[in-house]
Every structure is written in C-alpha cells, then in structure tokens.
Amino acid sequence: VPPEAHAWAMQQWPSGKPTLLISPCSSHVLRNWLPERYAAVATHAIDK
C-alpha cells in the first residue's frame, strides 16, 4: 500500500470519533445482508 494511498484515506473523514466502515457487498450477491439491517446497526453505532 503506497504512502499516497494512506494520505488519501486520512482526508476522507475527520478524526476524533471511532469509525465503523461498512463494505456491504460481496461479489456473490447471495452473501449480501439486507440493507435495512445494515442501516439498523449503523444507526446504533451513530447513537453510540
């Protein structure tokens, strides 16, 4: 992973809060969870 990739990543969200990164999709569609369930967990994380 080149240094410039890390530098780019550092610019994508502000520091100060813990971060939950959601990568919701697999290349196999049947492995993907339901969007409303991702949203429920994401909302819980934001509330925390």
ModelCIF file with pLDDT and N, C-alpha, C, O atoms, coordinates in Angstrom:
data_MODEL
#
_entry.id   MODEL 
#
_entity.id                         1 
_entity.type                       polymer 
_entity.pdbx_number_of_molecules   1 
#
_entity_poly.entity_id                      1 
_entity_poly.type                           'polypeptide(L)' 
_entity_poly.nstd_linkage                   no 
_entity_poly.nstd_monomer                   no 
_entity_poly.pdbx_seq_one_letter_code       VPPEAHAWAMQQWPSGKPTLLISPCSSHVLRNWLPERYAAVATHAIDK 
_entity_poly.pdbx_seq_one_letter_code_can   VPPEAHAWAMQQWPSGKPTLLISPCSSHVLRNWLPERYAAVATHAIDK 
_entity_poly.pdbx_strand_id                 A 
#
loop_
_entity_poly_seq.entity_id 
_entity_poly_seq.num 
_entity_poly_seq.mon_id 
_entity_poly_seq.hetero 
1 1  VAL n 
1 2  PRO n 
1 3  PRO n 
1 4  GLU n 
1 5  ALA n 
1 6  HIS n 
1 7  ALA n 
1 8  TRP n 
1 9  ALA n 
1 10 MET n 
1 11 GLN n 
1 12 GLN n 
1 13 TRP n 
1 14 PRO n 
1 15 SER n 
1 16 GLY n 
1 17 LYS n 
1 18 PRO n 
1 19 THR n 
1 20 LEU n 
1 21 LEU n 
1 22 ILE n 
1 23 SER n 
1 24 PRO n 
1 25 CYS n 
1 26 SER n 
1 27 SER n 
1 28 HIS n 
1 29 VAL n 
1 30 LEU n 
1 31 ARG n 
1 32 ASN n 
1 33 TRP n 
1 34 LEU n 
1 35 PRO n 
1 36 GLU n 
1 37 ARG n 
1 38 TYR n 
1 39 ALA n 
1 40 ALA n 
1 41 VAL n 
1 42 ALA n 
1 43 THR n 
1 44 HIS n 
1 45 ALA n 
1 46 ILE n 
1 47 ASP n 
1 48 LYS n 
#
_struct_asym.id          A 
_struct_asym.entity_id   1 
#
loop_
_ma_qa_metric.id 
_ma_qa_metric.mode 
_ma_qa_metric.name 
_ma_qa_metric.software_group_id 
_ma_qa_metric.type 
1 global pLDDT . pLDDT 
2 local  pLDDT . pLDDT 
#
_ma_qa_metric_global.metric_id      1 
_ma_qa_metric_global.metric_value   97.33 
_ma_qa_metric_global.model_id       1 
_ma_qa_metric_global.ordinal_id     1 
#
loop_
_ma_qa_metric_local.label_asym_id 
_ma_qa_metric_local.label_comp_id 
_ma_qa_metric_local.label_seq_id 
_ma_qa_metric_local.metric_id 
_ma_qa_metric_local.metric_value 
_ma_qa_metric_local.model_id 
_ma_qa_metric_local.ordinal_id 
A VAL 1  2 98.00 1 1  
A PRO 2  2 98.00 1 2  
A PRO 3  2 98.00 1 3  
A GLU 4  2 98.00 1 4  
A ALA 5  2 98.00 1 5  
A HIS 6  2 98.00 1 6  
A ALA 7  2 98.00 1 7  
A TRP 8  2 98.00 1 8  
A ALA 9  2 98.00 1 9  
A MET 10 2 98.00 1 10 
A GLN 11 2 98.00 1 11 
A GLN 12 2 98.00 1 12 
A TRP 13 2 97.00 1 13 
A PRO 14 2 95.00 1 14 
A SER 15 2 95.00 1 15 
A GLY 16 2 95.00 1 16 
A LYS 17 2 97.00 1 17 
A PRO 18 2 98.00 1 18 
A THR 19 2 98.00 1 19 
A LEU 20 2 98.00 1 20 
A LEU 21 2 98.00 1 21 
A ILE 22 2 98.00 1 22 
A SER 23 2 98.00 1 23 
A PRO 24 2 98.00 1 24 
A CYS 25 2 97.00 1 25 
A SER 26 2 96.00 1 26 
A SER 27 2 91.00 1 27 
A HIS 28 2 92.00 1 28 
A VAL 29 2 95.00 1 29 
A LEU 30 2 97.00 1 30 
A ARG 31 2 97.00 1 31 
A ASN 32 2 98.00 1 32 
A TRP 33 2 98.00 1 33 
A LEU 34 2 98.00 1 34 
A PRO 35 2 98.00 1 35 
A GLU 36 2 98.00 1 36 
A ARG 37 2 98.00 1 37 
A TYR 38 2 98.00 1 38 
A ALA 39 2 98.00 1 39 
A ALA 40 2 98.00 1 40 
A VAL 41 2 98.00 1 41 
A ALA 42 2 98.00 1 42 
A THR 43 2 98.00 1 43 
A HIS 44 2 98.00 1 44 
A ALA 45 2 98.00 1 45 
A ILE 46 2 98.00 1 46 
A ASP 47 2 98.00 1 47 
A LYS 48 2 98.00 1 48 
#
loop_
_atom_site.group_PDB 
_atom_site.id 
_atom_site.type_symbol 
_atom_site.label_atom_id 
_atom_site.label_alt_id 
_atom_site.label_comp_id 
_atom_site.label_asym_id 
_atom_site.label_entity_id 
_atom_site.label_seq_id 
_atom_site.pdbx_PDB_ins_code 
_atom_site.Cartn_x 
_atom_site.Cartn_y 
_atom_site.Cartn_z 
_atom_site.occupancy 
_atom_site.B_iso_or_equiv 
_atom_site.pdbx_formal_charge 
_atom_site.auth_seq_id 
_atom_site.auth_comp_id 
_atom_site.auth_asym_id 
_atom_site.auth_atom_id 
_atom_site.pdbx_PDB_model_num 
ATOM 1   N N  . VAL A 1 1  ? 0.861   -1.183  0.000  1.00 98.00 ? 1  VAL A N  1 
ATOM 2   C CA . VAL A 1 1  ? 0.000   0.000   0.000  1.00 98.00 ? 1  VAL A CA 1 
ATOM 3   C C  . VAL A 1 1  ? 0.900   1.237   0.000  1.00 98.00 ? 1  VAL A C  1 
ATOM 4   O O  . VAL A 1 1  ? 1.643   1.446   0.960  1.00 98.00 ? 1  VAL A O  1 
ATOM 5   N N  . PRO A 1 2  ? 0.855   2.055   -1.042 1.00 98.00 ? 2  PRO A N  1 
ATOM 6   C CA . PRO A 1 2  ? 1.774   3.205   -1.127 1.00 98.00 ? 2  PRO A CA 1 
ATOM 7   C C  . PRO A 1 2  ? 1.403   4.307   -0.137 1.00 98.00 ? 2  PRO A C  1 
ATOM 8   O O  . PRO A 1 2  ? 0.243   4.408   0.261  1.00 98.00 ? 2  PRO A O  1 
ATOM 9   N N  . PRO A 1 3  ? 2.355   5.123   0.260  1.00 98.00 ? 3  PRO A N  1 
ATOM 10  C CA . PRO A 1 3  ? 2.090   6.210   1.216  1.00 98.00 ? 3  PRO A CA 1 
ATOM 11  C C  . PRO A 1 3  ? 0.992   7.158   0.751  1.00 98.00 ? 3  PRO A C  1 
ATOM 12  O O  . PRO A 1 3  ? 0.218   7.658   1.567  1.00 98.00 ? 3  PRO A O  1 
ATOM 13  N N  . GLU A 1 4  ? 0.918   7.410   -0.556 1.00 98.00 ? 4  GLU A N  1 
ATOM 14  C CA . GLU A 1 4  ? -0.098  8.331   -1.046 1.00 98.00 ? 4  GLU A CA 1 
ATOM 15  C C  . GLU A 1 4  ? -1.514  7.791   -0.852 1.00 98.00 ? 4  GLU A C  1 
ATOM 16  O O  . GLU A 1 4  ? -2.461  8.568   -0.732 1.00 98.00 ? 4  GLU A O  1 
ATOM 17  N N  . ALA A 1 5  ? -1.664  6.464   -0.821 1.00 98.00 ? 5  ALA A N  1 
ATOM 18  C CA . ALA A 1 5  ? -2.980  5.873   -0.546 1.00 98.00 ? 5  ALA A CA 1 
ATOM 19  C C  . ALA A 1 5  ? -3.380  6.136   0.907  1.00 98.00 ? 5  ALA A C  1 
ATOM 20  O O  . ALA A 1 5  ? -4.533  6.462   1.188  1.00 98.00 ? 5  ALA A O  1 
ATOM 21  N N  . HIS A 1 6  ? -2.429  5.993   1.826  1.00 98.00 ? 6  HIS A N  1 
ATOM 22  C CA . HIS A 1 6  ? -2.720  6.293   3.232  1.00 98.00 ? 6  HIS A CA 1 
ATOM 23  C C  . HIS A 1 6  ? -3.033  7.782   3.411  1.00 98.00 ? 6  HIS A C  1 
ATOM 24  O O  . HIS A 1 6  ? -3.916  8.151   4.186  1.00 98.00 ? 6  HIS A O  1 
ATOM 25  N N  . ALA A 1 7  ? -2.305  8.622   2.692  1.00 98.00 ? 7  ALA A N  1 
ATOM 26  C CA . ALA A 1 7  ? -2.564  10.062  2.784  1.00 98.00 ? 7  ALA A CA 1 
ATOM 27  C C  . ALA A 1 7  ? -3.973  10.378  2.291  1.00 98.00 ? 7  ALA A C  1 
ATOM 28  O O  . ALA A 1 7  ? -4.671  11.192  2.896  1.00 98.00 ? 7  ALA A O  1 
ATOM 29  N N  . TRP A 1 8  ? -4.391  9.750   1.211  1.00 98.00 ? 8  TRP A N  1 
ATOM 30  C CA . TRP A 1 8  ? -5.753  9.953   0.691  1.00 98.00 ? 8  TRP A CA 1 
ATOM 31  C C  . TRP A 1 8  ? -6.792  9.497   1.708  1.00 98.00 ? 8  TRP A C  1 
ATOM 32  O O  . TRP A 1 8  ? -7.785  10.187  1.937  1.00 98.00 ? 8  TRP A O  1 
ATOM 33  N N  . ALA A 1 9  ? -6.564  8.336   2.319  1.00 98.00 ? 9  ALA A N  1 
ATOM 34  C CA . ALA A 1 9  ? -7.519  7.815   3.300  1.00 98.00 ? 9  ALA A CA 1 
ATOM 35  C C  . ALA A 1 9  ? -7.671  8.771   4.479  1.00 98.00 ? 9  ALA A C  1 
ATOM 36  O O  . ALA A 1 9  ? -8.767  8.924   5.017  1.00 98.00 ? 9  ALA A O  1 
ATOM 37  N N  . MET A 1 10 ? -6.583  9.412   4.879  1.00 98.00 ? 10 MET A N  1 
ATOM 38  C CA . MET A 1 10 ? -6.642  10.320  6.019  1.00 98.00 ? 10 MET A CA 1 
ATOM 39  C C  . MET A 1 10 ? -7.511  11.539  5.744  1.00 98.00 ? 10 MET A C  1 
ATOM 40  O O  . MET A 1 10 ? -7.967  12.197  6.679  1.00 98.00 ? 10 MET A O  1 
ATOM 41  N N  . GLN A 1 11 ? -7.743  11.844  4.486  1.00 98.00 ? 11 GLN A N  1 
ATOM 42  C CA . GLN A 1 11 ? -8.528  13.013  4.111  1.00 98.00 ? 11 GLN A CA 1 
ATOM 43  C C  . GLN A 1 11 ? -10.026 12.732  4.011  1.00 98.00 ? 11 GLN A C  1 
ATOM 44  O O  . GLN A 1 11 ? -10.808 13.659  3.802  1.00 98.00 ? 11 GLN A O  1 
ATOM 45  N N  . GLN A 1 12 ? -10.444 11.468  4.155  1.00 98.00 ? 12 GLN A N  1 
ATOM 46  C CA . GLN A 1 12 ? -11.816 11.106  3.812  1.00 98.00 ? 12 GLN A CA 1 
ATOM 47  C C  . GLN A 1 12 ? -12.824 11.292  4.935  1.00 98.00 ? 12 GLN A C  1 
ATOM 48  O O  . GLN A 1 12 ? -14.024 11.367  4.670  1.00 98.00 ? 12 GLN A O  1 
ATOM 49  N N  . TRP A 1 13 ? -12.372 11.369  6.180  1.00 97.00 ? 13 TRP A N  1 
ATOM 50  C CA . TRP A 1 13 ? -13.297 11.673  7.274  1.00 97.00 ? 13 TRP A CA 1 
ATOM 51  C C  . TRP A 1 13 ? -12.507 12.287  8.423  1.00 97.00 ? 13 TRP A C  1 
ATOM 52  O O  . TRP A 1 13 ? -11.312 12.031  8.572  1.00 97.00 ? 13 TRP A O  1 
ATOM 53  N N  . PRO A 1 14 ? -13.176 13.091  9.228  1.00 95.00 ? 14 PRO A N  1 
ATOM 54  C CA . PRO A 1 14 ? -12.468 13.771  10.318 1.00 95.00 ? 14 PRO A CA 1 
ATOM 55  C C  . PRO A 1 14 ? -12.069 12.807  11.427 1.00 95.00 ? 14 PRO A C  1 
ATOM 56  O O  . PRO A 1 14 ? -12.723 11.789  11.650 1.00 95.00 ? 14 PRO A O  1 
ATOM 57  N N  . SER A 1 15 ? -11.017 13.135  12.097 1.00 95.00 ? 15 SER A N  1 
ATOM 58  C CA . SER A 1 15 ? -10.584 12.351  13.253 1.00 95.00 ? 15 SER A CA 1 
ATOM 59  C C  . SER A 1 15 ? -11.399 12.756  14.476 1.00 95.00 ? 15 SER A C  1 
ATOM 60  O O  . SER A 1 15 ? -12.109 13.761  14.456 1.00 95.00 ? 15 SER A O  1 
ATOM 61  N N  . GLY A 1 16 ? -11.291 11.970  15.529 1.00 95.00 ? 16 GLY A N  1 
ATOM 62  C CA . GLY A 1 16 ? -11.932 12.325  16.787 1.00 95.00 ? 16 GLY A CA 1 
ATOM 63  C C  . GLY A 1 16 ? -12.976 11.348  17.256 1.00 95.00 ? 16 GLY A C  1 
ATOM 64  O O  . GLY A 1 16 ? -13.194 11.210  18.460 1.00 95.00 ? 16 GLY A O  1 
ATOM 65  N N  . LYS A 1 17 ? -13.643 10.650  16.319 1.00 97.00 ? 17 LYS A N  1 
ATOM 66  C CA . LYS A 1 17 ? -14.633 9.642   16.680 1.00 97.00 ? 17 LYS A CA 1 
ATOM 67  C C  . LYS A 1 17 ? -14.184 8.274   16.181 1.00 97.00 ? 17 LYS A C  1 
ATOM 68  O O  . LYS A 1 17 ? -13.505 8.184   15.158 1.00 97.00 ? 17 LYS A O  1 
ATOM 69  N N  . PRO A 1 18 ? -14.557 7.199   16.893 1.00 98.00 ? 18 PRO A N  1 
ATOM 70  C CA . PRO A 1 18 ? -14.304 5.864   16.328 1.00 98.00 ? 18 PRO A CA 1 
ATOM 71  C C  . PRO A 1 18 ? -15.128 5.686   15.061 1.00 98.00 ? 18 PRO A C  1 
ATOM 72  O O  . PRO A 1 18 ? -16.208 6.262   14.927 1.00 98.00 ? 18 PRO A O  1 
ATOM 73  N N  . THR A 1 19 ? -14.612 4.882   14.131 1.00 98.00 ? 19 THR A N  1 
ATOM 74  C CA . THR A 1 19 ? -15.234 4.761   12.819 1.00 98.00 ? 19 THR A CA 1 
ATOM 75  C C  . THR A 1 19 ? -15.610 3.326   12.512 1.00 98.00 ? 19 THR A C  1 
ATOM 76  O O  . THR A 1 19 ? -14.779 2.421   12.592 1.00 98.00 ? 19 THR A O  1 
ATOM 77  N N  . LEU A 1 20 ? -16.878 3.126   12.157 1.00 98.00 ? 20 LEU A N  1 
ATOM 78  C CA . LEU A 1 20 ? -17.356 1.856   11.615 1.00 98.00 ? 20 LEU A CA 1 
ATOM 79  C C  . LEU A 1 20 ? -17.411 1.995   10.103 1.00 98.00 ? 20 LEU A C  1 
ATOM 80  O O  . LEU A 1 20 ? -18.188 2.791   9.577  1.00 98.00 ? 20 LEU A O  1 
ATOM 81  N N  . LEU A 1 21 ? -16.600 1.232   9.411  1.00 98.00 ? 21 LEU A N  1 
ATOM 82  C CA . LEU A 1 21 ? -16.586 1.241   7.943  1.00 98.00 ? 21 LEU A CA 1 
ATOM 83  C C  . LEU A 1 21 ? -17.385 0.042   7.459  1.00 98.00 ? 21 LEU A C  1 
ATOM 84  O O  . LEU A 1 21 ? -17.062 -1.098  7.792  1.00 98.00 ? 21 LEU A O  1 
ATOM 85  N N  . ILE A 1 22 ? -18.419 0.291   6.681  1.00 98.00 ? 22 ILE A N  1 
ATOM 86  C CA . ILE A 1 22 ? -19.274 -0.780  6.171  1.00 98.00 ? 22 ILE A CA 1 
ATOM 87  C C  . ILE A 1 22 ? -18.967 -1.006  4.702  1.00 98.00 ? 22 ILE A C  1 
ATOM 88  O O  . ILE A 1 22 ? -19.137 -0.109  3.876  1.00 98.00 ? 22 ILE A O  1 
ATOM 89  N N  . SER A 1 23 ? -18.515 -2.203  4.383  1.00 98.00 ? 23 SER A N  1 
ATOM 90  C CA . SER A 1 23 ? -18.343 -2.636  2.997  1.00 98.00 ? 23 SER A CA 1 
ATOM 91  C C  . SER A 1 23 ? -19.418 -3.692  2.758  1.00 98.00 ? 23 SER A C  1 
ATOM 92  O O  . SER A 1 23 ? -19.179 -4.867  3.033  1.00 98.00 ? 23 SER A O  1 
ATOM 93  N N  . PRO A 1 24 ? -20.591 -3.316  2.258  1.00 98.00 ? 24 PRO A N  1 
ATOM 94  C CA . PRO A 1 24 ? -21.765 -4.182  2.360  1.00 98.00 ? 24 PRO A CA 1 
ATOM 95  C C  . PRO A 1 24 ? -21.892 -5.277  1.307  1.00 98.00 ? 24 PRO A C  1 
ATOM 96  O O  . PRO A 1 24 ? -22.739 -6.160  1.437  1.00 98.00 ? 24 PRO A O  1 
ATOM 97  N N  . CYS A 1 25 ? -21.064 -5.230  0.268  1.00 97.00 ? 25 CYS A N  1 
ATOM 98  C CA . CYS A 1 25 ? -21.302 -6.147  -0.857 1.00 97.00 ? 25 CYS A CA 1 
ATOM 99  C C  . CYS A 1 25 ? -20.155 -7.116  -1.088 1.00 97.00 ? 25 CYS A C  1 
ATOM 100 O O  . CYS A 1 25 ? -18.981 -6.754  -1.019 1.00 97.00 ? 25 CYS A O  1 
ATOM 101 N N  . SER A 1 26 ? -20.529 -8.346  -1.363 1.00 96.00 ? 26 SER A N  1 
ATOM 102 C CA . SER A 1 26 ? -19.616 -9.363  -1.872 1.00 96.00 ? 26 SER A CA 1 
ATOM 103 C C  . SER A 1 26 ? -19.829 -9.480  -3.375 1.00 96.00 ? 26 SER A C  1 
ATOM 104 O O  . SER A 1 26 ? -20.846 -9.025  -3.897 1.00 96.00 ? 26 SER A O  1 
ATOM 105 N N  . SER A 1 27 ? -18.879 -10.084 -4.066 1.00 91.00 ? 27 SER A N  1 
ATOM 106 C CA . SER A 1 27 ? -19.074 -10.358 -5.495 1.00 91.00 ? 27 SER A CA 1 
ATOM 107 C C  . SER A 1 27 ? -20.121 -11.445 -5.706 1.00 91.00 ? 27 SER A C  1 
ATOM 108 O O  . SER A 1 27 ? -20.633 -11.609 -6.813 1.00 91.00 ? 27 SER A O  1 
ATOM 109 N N  . HIS A 1 28 ? -20.443 -12.194 -4.639 1.00 92.00 ? 28 HIS A N  1 
ATOM 110 C CA . HIS A 1 28 ? -21.509 -13.191 -4.679 1.00 92.00 ? 28 HIS A CA 1 
ATOM 111 C C  . HIS A 1 28 ? -22.754 -12.551 -4.050 1.00 92.00 ? 28 HIS A C  1 
ATOM 112 O O  . HIS A 1 28 ? -22.794 -12.344 -2.837 1.00 92.00 ? 28 HIS A O  1 
ATOM 113 N N  . VAL A 1 29 ? -23.755 -12.242 -4.857 1.00 95.00 ? 29 VAL A N  1 
ATOM 114 C CA . VAL A 1 29 ? -24.894 -11.449 -4.395 1.00 95.00 ? 29 VAL A CA 1 
ATOM 115 C C  . VAL A 1 29 ? -25.604 -12.107 -3.219 1.00 95.00 ? 29 VAL A C  1 
ATOM 116 O O  . VAL A 1 29 ? -26.072 -11.410 -2.318 1.00 95.00 ? 29 VAL A O  1 
ATOM 117 N N  . LEU A 1 30 ? -25.693 -13.422 -3.209 1.00 97.00 ? 30 LEU A N  1 
ATOM 118 C CA . LEU A 1 30 ? -26.443 -14.102 -2.156 1.00 97.00 ? 30 LEU A CA 1 
ATOM 119 C C  . LEU A 1 30 ? -25.750 -14.023 -0.797 1.00 97.00 ? 30 LEU A C  1 
ATOM 120 O O  . LEU A 1 30 ? -26.348 -14.381 0.218  1.00 97.00 ? 30 LEU A O  1 
ATOM 121 N N  . ARG A 1 31 ? -24.515 -13.565 -0.761 1.00 97.00 ? 31 ARG A N  1 
ATOM 122 C CA . ARG A 1 31 ? -23.809 -13.385 0.514  1.00 97.00 ? 31 ARG A CA 1 
ATOM 123 C C  . ARG A 1 31 ? -24.117 -12.038 1.170  1.00 97.00 ? 31 ARG A C  1 
ATOM 124 O O  . ARG A 1 31 ? -23.723 -11.800 2.312  1.00 97.00 ? 31 ARG A O  1 
ATOM 125 N N  . ASN A 1 32 ? -24.813 -11.165 0.458  1.00 98.00 ? 32 ASN A N  1 
ATOM 126 C CA . ASN A 1 32 ? -25.037 -9.816  0.961  1.00 98.00 ? 32 ASN A CA 1 
ATOM 127 C C  . ASN A 1 32 ? -26.190 -9.782  1.955  1.00 98.00 ? 32 ASN A C  1 
ATOM 128 O O  . ASN A 1 32 ? -27.227 -10.413 1.747  1.00 98.00 ? 32 ASN A O  1 
ATOM 129 N N  . TRP A 1 33 ? -25.996 -9.041  3.030  1.00 98.00 ? 33 TRP A N  1 
ATOM 130 C CA . TRP A 1 33 ? -27.021 -8.888  4.058  1.00 98.00 ? 33 TRP A CA 1 
ATOM 131 C C  . TRP A 1 33 ? -28.075 -7.903  3.568  1.00 98.00 ? 33 TRP A C  1 
ATOM 132 O O  . TRP A 1 33 ? -27.914 -7.307  2.503  1.00 98.00 ? 33 TRP A O  1 
ATOM 133 N N  . LEU A 1 34 ? -29.151 -7.724  4.330  1.00 98.00 ? 34 LEU A N  1 
ATOM 134 C CA . LEU A 1 34 ? -30.229 -6.837  3.931  1.00 98.00 ? 34 LEU A CA 1 
ATOM 135 C C  . LEU A 1 34 ? -29.879 -5.380  4.256  1.00 98.00 ? 34 LEU A C  1 
ATOM 136 O O  . LEU A 1 34 ? -29.332 -5.104  5.324  1.00 98.00 ? 34 LEU A O  1 
ATOM 137 N N  . PRO A 1 35 ? -30.189 -4.443  3.343  1.00 98.00 ? 35 PRO A N  1 
ATOM 138 C CA . PRO A 1 35 ? -29.788 -3.047  3.571  1.00 98.00 ? 35 PRO A CA 1 
ATOM 139 C C  . PRO A 1 35 ? -30.400 -2.440  4.825  1.00 98.00 ? 35 PRO A C  1 
ATOM 140 O O  . PRO A 1 35 ? -29.746 -1.661  5.519  1.00 98.00 ? 35 PRO A O  1 
ATOM 141 N N  . GLU A 1 36 ? -31.658 -2.793  5.125  1.00 98.00 ? 36 GLU A N  1 
ATOM 142 C CA . GLU A 1 36 ? -32.272 -2.216  6.322  1.00 98.00 ? 36 GLU A CA 1 
ATOM 143 C C  . GLU A 1 36 ? -31.608 -2.734  7.597  1.00 98.00 ? 36 GLU A C  1 
ATOM 144 O O  . GLU A 1 36 ? -31.634 -2.058  8.626  1.00 98.00 ? 36 GLU A O  1 
ATOM 145 N N  . ARG A 1 37 ? -31.014 -3.928  7.538  1.00 98.00 ? 37 ARG A N  1 
ATOM 146 C CA . ARG A 1 37 ? -30.310 -4.442  8.709  1.00 98.00 ? 37 ARG A CA 1 
ATOM 147 C C  . ARG A 1 37 ? -28.945 -3.781  8.864  1.00 98.00 ? 37 ARG A C  1 
ATOM 148 O O  . ARG A 1 37 ? -28.520 -3.481  9.979  1.00 98.00 ? 37 ARG A O  1 
ATOM 149 N N  . TYR A 1 38 ? -28.253 -3.552  7.738  1.00 98.00 ? 38 TYR A N  1 
ATOM 150 C CA . TYR A 1 38 ? -27.035 -2.741  7.815  1.00 98.00 ? 38 TYR A CA 1 
ATOM 151 C C  . TYR A 1 38 ? -27.353 -1.383  8.435  1.00 98.00 ? 38 TYR A C  1 
ATOM 152 O O  . TYR A 1 38 ? -26.629 -0.895  9.303  1.00 98.00 ? 38 TYR A O  1 
ATOM 153 N N  . ALA A 1 39 ? -28.451 -0.780  7.971  1.00 98.00 ? 39 ALA A N  1 
ATOM 154 C CA . ALA A 1 39 ? -28.828 0.549   8.440  1.00 98.00 ? 39 ALA A CA 1 
ATOM 155 C C  . ALA A 1 39 ? -29.109 0.548   9.945  1.00 98.00 ? 39 ALA A C  1 
ATOM 156 O O  . ALA A 1 39 ? -28.757 1.495   10.648 1.00 98.00 ? 39 ALA A O  1 
ATOM 157 N N  . ALA A 1 40 ? -29.737 -0.510  10.428 1.00 98.00 ? 40 ALA A N  1 
ATOM 158 C CA . ALA A 1 40 ? -30.051 -0.589  11.861 1.00 98.00 ? 40 ALA A CA 1 
ATOM 159 C C  . ALA A 1 40 ? -28.781 -0.639  12.695 1.00 98.00 ? 40 ALA A C  1 
ATOM 160 O O  . ALA A 1 40 ? -28.694 0.028   13.726 1.00 98.00 ? 40 ALA A O  1 
ATOM 161 N N  . VAL A 1 41 ? -27.803 -1.412  12.269 1.00 98.00 ? 41 VAL A N  1 
ATOM 162 C CA . VAL A 1 41 ? -26.536 -1.492  13.013 1.00 98.00 ? 41 VAL A CA 1 
ATOM 163 C C  . VAL A 1 41 ? -25.788 -0.172  12.906 1.00 98.00 ? 41 VAL A C  1 
ATOM 164 O O  . VAL A 1 41 ? -25.212 0.300   13.886 1.00 98.00 ? 41 VAL A O  1 
ATOM 165 N N  . ALA A 1 42 ? -25.795 0.426   11.720 1.00 98.00 ? 42 ALA A N  1 
ATOM 166 C CA . ALA A 1 42 ? -25.119 1.709   11.522 1.00 98.00 ? 42 ALA A CA 1 
ATOM 167 C C  . ALA A 1 42 ? -25.731 2.786   12.414 1.00 98.00 ? 42 ALA A C  1 
ATOM 168 O O  . ALA A 1 42 ? -25.012 3.581   13.019 1.00 98.00 ? 42 ALA A O  1 
ATOM 169 N N  . THR A 1 43 ? -27.047 2.809   12.491 1.00 98.00 ? 43 THR A N  1 
ATOM 170 C CA . THR A 1 43 ? -27.732 3.795   13.339 1.00 98.00 ? 43 THR A CA 1 
ATOM 171 C C  . THR A 1 43 ? -27.392 3.578   14.811 1.00 98.00 ? 43 THR A C  1 
ATOM 172 O O  . THR A 1 43 ? -27.216 4.539   15.559 1.00 98.00 ? 43 THR A O  1 
ATOM 173 N N  . HIS A 1 44 ? -27.303 2.326   15.220 1.00 98.00 ? 44 HIS A N  1 
ATOM 174 C CA . HIS A 1 44 ? -26.894 2.026   16.601 1.00 98.00 ? 44 HIS A CA 1 
ATOM 175 C C  . HIS A 1 44 ? -25.492 2.574   16.875 1.00 98.00 ? 44 HIS A C  1 
ATOM 176 O O  . HIS A 1 44 ? -25.235 3.151   17.931 1.00 98.00 ? 44 HIS A O  1 
ATOM 177 N N  . ALA A 1 45 ? -24.592 2.385   15.908 1.00 98.00 ? 45 ALA A N  1 
ATOM 178 C CA . ALA A 1 45 ? -23.222 2.871   16.090 1.00 98.00 ? 45 ALA A CA 1 
ATOM 179 C C  . ALA A 1 45 ? -23.202 4.396   16.210 1.00 98.00 ? 45 ALA A C  1 
ATOM 180 O O  . ALA A 1 45 ? -22.498 4.949   17.055 1.00 98.00 ? 45 ALA A O  1 
ATOM 181 N N  . ILE A 1 46 ? -23.973 5.066   15.366 1.00 98.00 ? 46 ILE A N  1 
ATOM 182 C CA . ILE A 1 46 ? -24.031 6.533   15.430 1.00 98.00 ? 46 ILE A CA 1 
ATOM 183 C C  . ILE A 1 46 ? -24.584 6.984   16.784 1.00 98.00 ? 46 ILE A C  1 
ATOM 184 O O  . ILE A 1 46 ? -24.085 7.941   17.378 1.00 98.00 ? 46 ILE A O  1 
ATOM 185 N N  . ASP A 1 47 ? -25.602 6.297   17.260 1.00 98.00 ? 47 ASP A N  1 
ATOM 186 C CA . ASP A 1 47 ? -26.179 6.629   18.572 1.00 98.00 ? 47 ASP A CA 1 
ATOM 187 C C  . ASP A 1 47 ? -25.166 6.451   19.700 1.00 98.00 ? 47 ASP A C  1 
ATOM 188 O O  . ASP A 1 47 ? -25.282 7.083   20.750 1.00 98.00 ? 47 ASP A O  1 
ATOM 189 N N  . LYS A 1 48 ? -24.185 5.600   19.483 1.00 98.00 ? 48 LYS A N  1 
ATOM 190 C CA . LYS A 1 48 ? -23.139 5.351   20.481 1.00 98.00 ? 48 LYS A CA 1 
ATOM 191 C C  . LYS A 1 48 ? -21.949 6.300   20.323 1.00 98.00 ? 48 LYS A C  1 
ATOM 192 O O  . LYS A 1 48 ? -20.988 6.216   21.088 1.00 98.00 ? 48 LYS A O  1 
#
